[in-house]
Protein backbone atom coordinates (compact mmCIF):
# COMPACT_ATOMS: atom_id res chain seq x y z
CA MET A 1 172.86 108.66 268.99
CA THR A 2 174.08 108.32 265.42
CA SER A 3 174.77 111.25 263.17
CA ARG A 4 171.73 110.35 261.09
CA GLY A 5 169.57 110.18 264.21
CA LYS A 6 170.72 113.62 265.31
CA TRP A 7 169.86 115.08 261.90
CA LEU A 8 166.43 113.47 262.00
CA LEU A 9 165.79 114.94 265.45
CA ILE A 10 167.01 118.37 264.34
CA SER A 11 164.79 118.15 261.25
CA ALA A 12 161.74 117.21 263.33
CA VAL A 13 162.33 120.05 265.79
CA PHE A 14 162.94 122.54 262.97
CA SER A 15 159.73 121.43 261.24
CA ALA A 16 157.75 121.91 264.45
CA VAL A 17 159.22 125.38 264.99
CA LEU A 18 158.54 126.34 261.37
CA ALA A 19 154.95 125.10 261.59
CA GLY A 20 154.49 127.00 264.85
CA GLY A 21 155.84 130.18 263.30
CA THR A 22 153.51 129.80 260.36
CA ALA A 23 150.50 129.27 262.61
CA TRP A 24 151.45 132.33 264.63
CA PHE A 25 151.91 134.40 261.48
CA VAL A 26 148.56 133.46 259.99
CA THR A 27 146.55 133.81 263.16
CA ASP A 28 148.24 136.37 265.34
CA TRP A 29 150.09 138.71 263.02
CA VAL A 30 147.81 138.53 259.97
CA LEU A 31 144.73 139.16 262.05
CA HIS A 32 146.47 141.98 263.95
CA ARG A 33 146.05 140.15 267.23
CA HIS A 34 142.39 139.55 266.46
CA GLY A 35 140.51 139.20 269.71
CA GLU A 36 143.58 139.73 271.88
CA SER A 37 144.23 143.39 271.12
CA HIS A 38 141.51 144.31 273.61
CA ALA A 39 143.59 142.81 276.39
CA HIS A 40 146.93 144.12 275.12
CA ASP A 41 147.97 147.09 273.03
CA GLN A 42 144.95 149.22 272.18
CA THR A 43 146.96 151.25 269.63
CA GLU A 44 147.15 148.28 267.27
CA PRO A 45 143.76 147.80 265.64
CA ASP A 46 142.36 144.32 265.67
CA PHE A 47 140.69 142.71 262.70
CA HIS A 48 137.18 143.38 264.00
CA ALA A 49 137.90 147.11 264.35
CA TRP A 50 139.53 147.20 260.91
CA MET A 51 136.54 145.48 259.36
CA HIS A 52 134.09 148.02 260.80
CA GLU A 53 136.31 150.97 259.97
CA HIS A 54 137.22 150.03 256.38
CA LEU A 55 134.38 147.88 255.12
CA ASP A 56 131.45 150.09 256.11
CA ILE A 57 129.63 147.19 257.75
CA THR A 58 125.89 147.74 257.94
CA PRO A 59 123.96 146.99 261.14
CA GLU A 60 122.40 144.00 259.38
CA GLN A 61 125.82 142.65 258.41
CA HIS A 62 127.11 143.25 261.92
CA GLU A 63 124.24 141.19 263.30
CA ILE A 64 125.13 138.32 260.94
CA LEU A 65 128.90 138.58 261.36
CA GLU A 66 129.00 138.96 265.15
CA PRO A 67 128.13 135.28 265.90
CA ILE A 68 130.66 134.19 263.26
CA GLU A 69 133.30 136.34 264.97
CA ALA A 70 132.38 135.03 268.43
CA GLU A 71 132.54 131.39 267.30
CA PHE A 72 135.87 131.99 265.58
CA GLU A 73 137.33 133.59 268.70
CA GLN A 74 136.15 130.75 270.92
CA GLN A 75 137.66 128.13 268.60
CA ARG A 76 140.85 130.16 268.12
CA VAL A 77 141.43 130.33 271.89
CA ARG A 78 140.78 126.59 272.19
CA LEU A 79 143.21 125.73 269.39
CA ARG A 80 145.88 128.12 270.70
CA GLY A 81 145.61 126.27 274.02
CA GLU A 82 146.03 122.93 272.24
CA ILE A 83 149.06 124.29 270.35
CA ARG A 84 150.60 125.53 273.59
CA ALA A 85 150.01 122.20 275.36
CA ALA A 86 151.42 120.22 272.43
CA GLY A 87 154.44 122.53 272.23
CA LEU A 88 155.14 121.94 275.91
CA GLU A 89 154.78 118.20 275.35
CA VAL A 90 157.29 118.36 272.46
CA ALA A 91 159.69 120.38 274.61
CA ALA A 92 159.48 117.83 277.42
CA ALA A 93 159.89 114.90 275.04
CA ILE A 94 162.94 116.40 273.32
CA GLY A 95 164.95 116.34 276.52
CA GLU A 96 164.18 112.70 277.15
CA ALA A 97 163.73 111.27 273.66
CA THR A 98 165.53 109.59 270.87
CA VAL A 99 164.60 110.25 267.25
CA ASN A 100 162.26 107.28 267.04
CA ASP A 101 160.66 107.90 270.41
CA ALA A 102 156.90 107.33 270.23
CA ARG A 103 156.20 110.11 272.76
CA LEU A 104 158.08 112.68 270.65
CA LYS A 105 156.40 111.54 267.43
CA SER A 106 152.98 111.69 269.07
CA ALA A 107 153.63 115.18 270.46
CA LEU A 108 154.83 116.44 267.06
CA GLU A 109 151.78 114.97 265.34
CA ARG A 110 149.50 116.63 267.89
CA LEU A 111 151.30 119.96 267.48
CA ASN A 112 151.18 119.83 263.68
CA LYS A 113 147.50 118.83 263.66
CA SER A 114 146.51 121.68 266.00
CA GLN A 115 148.50 124.22 263.99
CA GLY A 116 147.00 122.99 260.74
CA ASP A 117 143.50 123.08 262.25
CA LEU A 118 144.03 126.69 263.32
CA GLN A 119 145.30 127.74 259.89
CA ARG A 120 142.42 125.99 258.15
CA MET A 121 139.87 127.48 260.55
CA THR A 122 141.29 130.98 260.00
CA LEU A 123 140.89 130.69 256.24
CA GLU A 124 137.41 129.22 256.61
CA HIS A 125 136.56 132.20 258.83
CA PHE A 126 137.56 134.65 256.11
CA PHE A 127 135.44 132.86 253.54
CA ALA A 128 132.47 132.60 255.91
CA MET A 129 132.58 136.35 256.43
CA LYS A 130 133.08 137.05 252.74
CA ARG A 131 129.73 135.40 251.94
CA HIS A 132 127.95 138.14 253.90
CA LEU A 133 129.75 141.09 252.35
CA ARG A 134 128.88 143.15 249.32
CA PRO A 135 131.26 142.62 246.36
CA ALA A 136 133.21 145.82 247.07
CA GLN A 137 133.55 144.87 250.75
CA ALA A 138 134.68 141.35 249.86
CA LYS A 139 137.27 142.79 247.48
CA ARG A 140 138.68 145.02 250.24
CA LEU A 141 138.77 142.09 252.67
CA LEU A 142 140.68 139.96 250.17
CA GLU A 143 143.08 142.83 249.41
CA TRP A 144 143.71 143.30 253.14
CA THR A 145 144.27 139.57 253.59
CA HIS A 146 146.66 139.47 250.63
CA ASP A 147 148.59 142.54 251.79
CA SER A 148 148.81 141.18 255.35
CA LEU A 149 150.20 137.87 254.13
CA ALA A 150 152.64 139.51 251.70
CA ARG A 151 153.94 142.10 254.21
CA GLU A 152 157.41 141.62 255.68
CA PRO A 153 157.28 140.70 259.37
């Protein structure tokens, strides 16, 4: 493998890792393990609990937001599975591939698409919920989102 080929492979792997870290940050860390905190550490509040605790959600809003939350969780789990499968495919292809290997390129494209879909869906989820909040609630949600994104890991 040429020196240029090695650098291209390293760049592709680094890009995939960076994209994966970004997807994890936006979905897992920003949402405080939204939907998974029930199965893991109960001391860390999930987004749903934060929303009810800090936004003073009315029963009517809860009724509207609950299906949005359920749909988001279902899609999030599906996309996390796709990301995991694509990551495993990239890992397998790296050991056997050259820089221009079609299998590696395909796996990276699949990984990047799934990560991008998850990031996009997460932002769409925030805006879908925002439509059903009072202005003061929406402001708090946006402040929380901003602060979560700006916080040091």
